[in-house]
Structures are given as structure tokens and as C-alpha cells.
C-alpha atoms as a PDB file:
ATOM      1  CA  MET A   1    -169.651 -38.731  66.988  1.00  0.00           C
ATOM      2  CA  GLN A   2    -169.689 -36.274  63.598  1.00  0.00           C
ATOM      3  CA  ILE A   3    -171.811 -36.410  60.659  1.00  0.00           C
ATOM      4  CA  LYS A   4    -170.260 -35.631  56.939  1.00  0.00           C
ATOM      5  CA  VAL A   5    -171.635 -35.690  53.547  1.00  0.00           C
ATOM      6  CA  GLY A   6    -170.374 -37.940  51.235  1.00  0.00           C
ATOM      7  CA  GLN A   7    -167.412 -40.009  51.604  1.00  0.00           C
ATOM      8  CA  LEU A   8    -168.216 -42.184  49.182  1.00  0.00           C
ATOM      9  CA  CYS A   9    -164.332 -42.928  48.049  1.00  0.00           C
ATOM     10  CA  SER A  10    -163.366 -44.057  51.905  1.00  0.00           C
ATOM     11  CA  GLU A  11    -162.389 -47.660  51.834  1.00  0.00           C
ATOM     12  CA  GLN A  12    -164.474 -47.855  55.263  1.00  0.00           C
ATOM     13  CA  VAL A  13    -167.308 -46.799  53.474  1.00  0.00           C
ATOM     14  CA  LEU A  14    -166.987 -48.574  50.756  1.00  0.00           C
ATOM     15  CA  ALA A  15    -166.705 -52.209  52.900  1.00  0.00           C
ATOM     16  CA  LEU A  16    -169.766 -51.093  55.012  1.00  0.00           C
ATOM     17  CA  LEU A  17    -171.748 -50.500  51.341  1.00  0.00           C
ATOM     18  CA  LYS A  18    -170.600 -54.078  50.581  1.00  0.00           C
ATOM     19  CA  ALA A  19    -171.436 -55.671  53.494  1.00  0.00           C
ATOM     20  CA  HIS A  20    -174.613 -53.749  53.187  1.00  0.00           C
ATOM     21  CA  HIS A  21    -175.577 -55.321  49.717  1.00  0.00           C
ATOM     22  CA  GLU A  22    -174.226 -58.934  50.694  1.00  0.00           C
ATOM     23  CA  ASP A  23    -176.577 -58.838  53.976  1.00  0.00           C
ATOM     24  CA  MET A  24    -179.433 -57.500  51.372  1.00  0.00           C
ATOM     25  CA  ALA A  25    -178.480 -60.541  48.916  1.00  0.00           C
ATOM     26  CA  SER A  26    -178.513 -63.275  51.878  1.00  0.00           C
ATOM     27  CA  HIS A  27    -182.363 -62.358  52.529  1.00  0.00           C
ATOM     28  CA  SER A  28    -183.899 -61.537  49.502  1.00  0.00           C
ATOM     29  CA  PRO A  29    -183.500 -62.452  45.579  1.00  0.00           C
ATOM     30  CA  PRO A  30    -182.209 -59.889  43.447  1.00  0.00           C
ATOM     31  CA  GLU A  31    -184.912 -59.165  42.122  1.00  0.00           C
ATOM     32  CA  SER A  32    -185.737 -57.456  45.728  1.00  0.00           C
ATOM     33  CA  VAL A  33    -182.649 -55.779  46.522  1.00  0.00           C
ATOM     34  CA  HIS A  34    -183.025 -51.844  46.366  1.00  0.00           C
ATOM     35  CA  ALA A  35    -180.286 -50.864  47.978  1.00  0.00           C
ATOM     36  CA  LEU A  36    -178.699 -48.101  45.986  1.00  0.00           C
ATOM     37  CA  ASP A  37    -174.868 -49.103  44.176  1.00  0.00           C
ATOM     38  CA  VAL A  38    -172.033 -46.430  44.977  1.00  0.00           C
ATOM     39  CA  SER A  39    -173.105 -44.803  40.989  1.00  0.00           C
ATOM     40  CA  GLY A  40    -176.378 -44.582  42.397  1.00  0.00           C
ATOM     41  CA  LEU A  41    -175.560 -43.146  45.943  1.00  0.00           C
ATOM     42  CA  GLU A  42    -173.483 -40.358  43.840  1.00  0.00           C
ATOM     43  CA  ALA A  43    -176.403 -39.305  41.447  1.00  0.00           C
ATOM     44  CA  GLU A  44    -177.616 -35.710  42.077  1.00  0.00           C
ATOM     45  CA  ASP A  45    -180.967 -36.345  43.347  1.00  0.00           C
ATOM     46  CA  VAL A  46    -179.542 -38.156  46.201  1.00  0.00           C
ATOM     47  CA  THR A  47    -177.347 -36.829  49.145  1.00  0.00           C
ATOM     48  CA  PHE A  48    -175.131 -39.476  51.432  1.00  0.00           C
ATOM     49  CA  TRP A  49    -173.724 -38.755  54.768  1.00  0.00           C
ATOM     50  CA  SER A  50    -171.224 -41.021  56.847  1.00  0.00           C
ATOM     51  CA  LEU A  51    -171.084 -41.138  60.298  1.00  0.00           C
ATOM     52  CA  TRP A  52    -167.809 -41.221  62.133  1.00  0.00           C
ATOM     53  CA  CYS A  53    -166.302 -41.762  65.348  1.00  0.00           C
ATOM     54  CA  GLU A  54    -162.948 -39.783  65.073  1.00  0.00           C
ATOM     55  CA  ASP A  55    -161.641 -42.275  62.581  1.00  0.00           C
ATOM     56  CA  GLU A  56    -163.748 -45.042  62.488  1.00  0.00           C
ATOM     57  CA  LEU A  57    -166.862 -45.332  60.421  1.00  0.00           C
ATOM     58  CA  ALA A  58    -169.668 -45.951  62.558  1.00  0.00           C
ATOM     59  CA  GLY A  59    -172.485 -45.734  59.867  1.00  0.00           C
ATOM     60  CA  CYS A  60    -174.398 -43.959  57.055  1.00  0.00           C
ATOM     61  CA  GLY A  61    -177.447 -43.133  55.441  1.00  0.00           C
ATOM     62  CA  ALA A  62    -178.771 -41.196  52.053  1.00  0.00           C
ATOM     63  CA  LEU A  63    -181.674 -39.275  51.150  1.00  0.00           C
ATOM     64  CA  LYS A  64    -183.037 -39.229  48.016  1.00  0.00           C
ATOM     65  CA  GLN A  65    -185.610 -36.716  46.027  1.00  0.00           C
ATOM     66  CA  LEU A  66    -188.304 -38.589  44.560  1.00  0.00           C
ATOM     67  CA  ASP A  67    -190.190 -35.159  44.024  1.00  0.00           C
ATOM     68  CA  SER A  68    -190.105 -31.577  45.358  1.00  0.00           C
ATOM     69  CA  ARG A  69    -192.427 -33.086  48.356  1.00  0.00           C
ATOM     70  CA  HIS A  70    -191.299 -36.563  48.520  1.00  0.00           C
ATOM     71  CA  GLY A  71    -187.950 -38.169  49.826  1.00  0.00           C
ATOM     72  CA  GLU A  72    -187.085 -41.862  50.089  1.00  0.00           C
ATOM     73  CA  ILE A  73    -184.156 -43.041  52.372  1.00  0.00           C
ATOM     74  CA  LYS A  74    -181.747 -44.840  51.063  1.00  0.00           C
ATOM     75  CA  SER A  75    -179.020 -46.820  52.315  1.00  0.00           C
ATOM     76  CA  MET A  76    -179.532 -46.950  55.949  1.00  0.00           C
ATOM     77  CA  ARG A  77    -176.491 -49.151  57.797  1.00  0.00           C
ATOM     78  CA  THR A  78    -174.941 -49.108  61.300  1.00  0.00           C
ATOM     79  CA  SER A  79    -171.306 -50.769  61.147  1.00  0.00           C
ATOM     80  CA  SER A  80    -171.410 -54.281  63.226  1.00  0.00           C
ATOM     81  CA  HIS A  81    -169.033 -52.617  65.948  1.00  0.00           C
ATOM     82  CA  PHE A  82    -171.426 -49.710  66.553  1.00  0.00           C
ATOM     83  CA  LEU A  83    -175.151 -51.488  67.161  1.00  0.00           C
ATOM     84  CA  ARG A  84    -177.201 -50.761  70.206  1.00  0.00           C
ATOM     85  CA  GLN A  85    -175.151 -47.765  70.406  1.00  0.00           C
ATOM     86  CA  GLY A  86    -177.689 -45.247  69.048  1.00  0.00           C
ATOM     87  CA  VAL A  87    -175.660 -44.780  65.353  1.00  0.00           C
ATOM     88  CA  ALA A  88    -179.042 -45.226  63.430  1.00  0.00           C
ATOM     89  CA  GLN A  89    -181.705 -43.023  65.517  1.00  0.00           C
ATOM     90  CA  THR A  90    -178.609 -40.478  65.095  1.00  0.00           C
ATOM     91  CA  LEU A  91    -178.253 -40.744  61.329  1.00  0.00           C
ATOM     92  CA  LEU A  92    -182.678 -41.022  61.248  1.00  0.00           C
ATOM     93  CA  ALA A  93    -183.054 -37.951  63.032  1.00  0.00           C
ATOM     94  CA  HIS A  94    -180.506 -36.070  60.996  1.00  0.00           C
ATOM     95  CA  ILE A  95    -182.028 -37.133  57.590  1.00  0.00           C
ATOM     96  CA  ILE A  96    -185.187 -36.341  58.902  1.00  0.00           C
ATOM     97  CA  SER A  97    -184.480 -32.965  59.793  1.00  0.00           C
ATOM     98  CA  GLU A  98    -183.164 -32.530  56.528  1.00  0.00           C
ATOM     99  CA  ALA A  99    -186.281 -33.562  54.717  1.00  0.00           C
ATOM    100  CA  ARG A 100    -188.006 -31.235  56.306  1.00  0.00           C
ATOM    101  CA  ALA A 101    -185.408 -28.086  55.347  1.00  0.00           C
ATOM    102  CA  ARG A 102    -186.142 -28.951  52.156  1.00  0.00           C
ATOM    103  CA  GLY A 103    -189.679 -29.068  52.311  1.00  0.00           C
ATOM    104  CA  TYR A 104    -190.841 -32.036  51.849  1.00  0.00           C
ATOM    105  CA  GLN A 105    -194.217 -33.094  52.947  1.00  0.00           C
ATOM    106  CA  ARG A 106    -193.861 -37.448  52.958  1.00  0.00           C
ATOM    107  CA  LEU A 107    -190.940 -39.156  53.741  1.00  0.00           C
ATOM    108  CA  SER A 108    -190.953 -42.941  52.435  1.00  0.00           C
ATOM    109  CA  LEU A 109    -188.698 -45.763  52.773  1.00  0.00           C
ATOM    110  CA  GLU A 110    -188.353 -49.498  51.634  1.00  0.00           C
ATOM    111  CA  THR A 111    -187.101 -52.324  54.435  1.00  0.00           C
ATOM    112  CA  GLY A 112    -187.076 -56.181  54.137  1.00  0.00           C
ATOM    113  CA  SER A 113    -190.280 -57.683  55.373  1.00  0.00           C
ATOM    114  CA  MET A 114    -188.529 -60.645  57.045  1.00  0.00           C
ATOM    115  CA  ALA A 115    -187.722 -61.184  60.659  1.00  0.00           C
ATOM    116  CA  ALA A 116    -183.937 -59.890  60.245  1.00  0.00           C
ATOM    117  CA  PHE A 117    -185.356 -56.506  59.590  1.00  0.00           C
ATOM    118  CA  ILE A 118    -187.825 -56.697  62.374  1.00  0.00           C
ATOM    119  CA  PRO A 119    -185.209 -54.083  64.137  1.00  0.00           C
ATOM    120  CA  ALA A 120    -185.341 -51.401  61.359  1.00  0.00           C
ATOM    121  CA  ARG A 121    -189.157 -51.340  61.492  1.00  0.00           C
ATOM    122  CA  LYS A 122    -188.996 -51.160  65.036  1.00  0.00           C
ATOM    123  CA  LEU A 123    -186.749 -48.309  64.576  1.00  0.00           C
ATOM    124  CA  TYR A 124    -188.481 -46.387  61.663  1.00  0.00           C
ATOM    125  CA  GLU A 125    -191.857 -46.699  63.848  1.00  0.00           C
ATOM    126  CA  GLN A 126    -190.445 -44.944  66.816  1.00  0.00           C
ATOM    127  CA  PHE A 127    -189.827 -42.298  64.318  1.00  0.00           C
ATOM    128  CA  GLY A 128    -193.750 -42.314  63.382  1.00  0.00           C
ATOM    129  CA  PHE A 129    -193.237 -44.201  60.512  1.00  0.00           C
ATOM    130  CA  ILE A 130    -196.417 -46.396  59.486  1.00  0.00           C
ATOM    131  CA  GLU A 131    -197.040 -49.055  56.806  1.00  0.00           C
ATOM    132  CA  CYS A 132    -197.982 -47.734  53.273  1.00  0.00           C
ATOM    133  CA  GLN A 133    -198.118 -48.632  49.555  1.00  0.00           C
ATOM    134  CA  PRO A 134    -195.240 -49.307  47.153  1.00  0.00           C
ATOM    135  CA  PHE A 135    -194.234 -45.536  46.326  1.00  0.00           C
ATOM    136  CA  GLY A 136    -192.526 -44.295  44.027  1.00  0.00           C
ATOM    137  CA  ASP A 137    -191.302 -46.948  41.231  1.00  0.00           C
ATOM    138  CA  TYR A 138    -191.525 -49.810  43.143  1.00  0.00           C
ATOM    139  CA  LYS A 139    -194.000 -52.819  43.212  1.00  0.00           C
ATOM    140  CA  GLN A 140    -195.684 -55.339  45.477  1.00  0.00           C
ATOM    141  CA  ASP A 141    -193.471 -57.471  46.643  1.00  0.00           C
ATOM    142  CA  PRO A 142    -193.249 -60.416  49.282  1.00  0.00           C
ATOM    143  CA  TYR A 143    -189.223 -59.097  50.449  1.00  0.00           C
ATOM    144  CA  SER A 144    -190.430 -55.271  50.642  1.00  0.00           C
ATOM    145  CA  SER A 145    -191.857 -53.612  53.402  1.00  0.00           C
ATOM    146  CA  PHE A 146    -193.097 -50.325  53.127  1.00  0.00           C
ATOM    147  CA  MET A 147    -193.135 -47.138  55.622  1.00  0.00           C
ATOM    148  CA  SER A 148    -193.664 -43.341  55.482  1.00  0.00           C
ATOM    149  CA  LYS A 149    -194.444 -40.632  57.045  1.00  0.00           C
ATOM    150  CA  MET A 150    -196.052 -37.012  57.023  1.00  0.00           C
ATOM    151  CA  LEU A 151    -193.485 -34.154  57.991  1.00  0.00           C
END
């Protein structure tokens, strides 16, 4: 597996991001979906990575700088045919490593609060994330779960 920066023009990446947005919309009302669109992932304060297994997209994830000491994980998604093969763990470890290299002291994320998001929350807990209050521009939302990790 190979992690690449960007690749936002790739048809496979665009299809995975579309599926990600559709899945989020199936679980939450529009005002509670916080996934970035492509233009958001292209922003200067966001770094997007795609993970490839030869020429197949296995997953993606992004890191958004909130300030000089705080980053946010965005757009974590595993391609359906790569589920339970370590893709999310590989991407998450890479993002945490990058956050440390940038000197961030805290790394946070927002994910869904519903049962469909239990596997994601368990993964984040395995990496040391704990529940926290809303951060950045987020507000308390019954559809959101907020997690953070000190680095």
C-alpha cells in the first residue's frame, strides 16, 4: 500500500468522496453533515491523502490545521472492498504522525453519534482519542460525537 498526497482529480477518489457524503447524508440531517467537499479538501489549511493498493484506491483521509497547535482529522473513509484490511489504521497512524511532525499538541475529530459510527469511534479510541466537547466552529449536536487526543 502506498500513501499519496492529493489525487483529488482521480475518478476513484471523487467516487469515494461522493459515497462518503451520501453515507453521511443517510445518517444525519444536512446541517449535521460536516464532511468537506473537494474545494474544502483543496484548501490551504488541509492536506489530503489517498491510500492505494497498486492502482486501486483503498481509502483516504485529511488533516486540517485549526491553529498552530491543533489539527482536525477530516474525510476518513475506507473503500468498501478494503474494509477490515487495516486501511483506516494505516491512514490514522499516518495522520497522527504528520500532526506530531507539524508540532500540533492536540488532534481532534468529529464523527457521527449513531450506531453506524461505532466502528469508527472504537478505532479512534484504540489510538487514544477520548470524547470531548465541540471544538473549533462546531456546536453541540445530537448527531455528532467529538473526540480529541493530546500528542
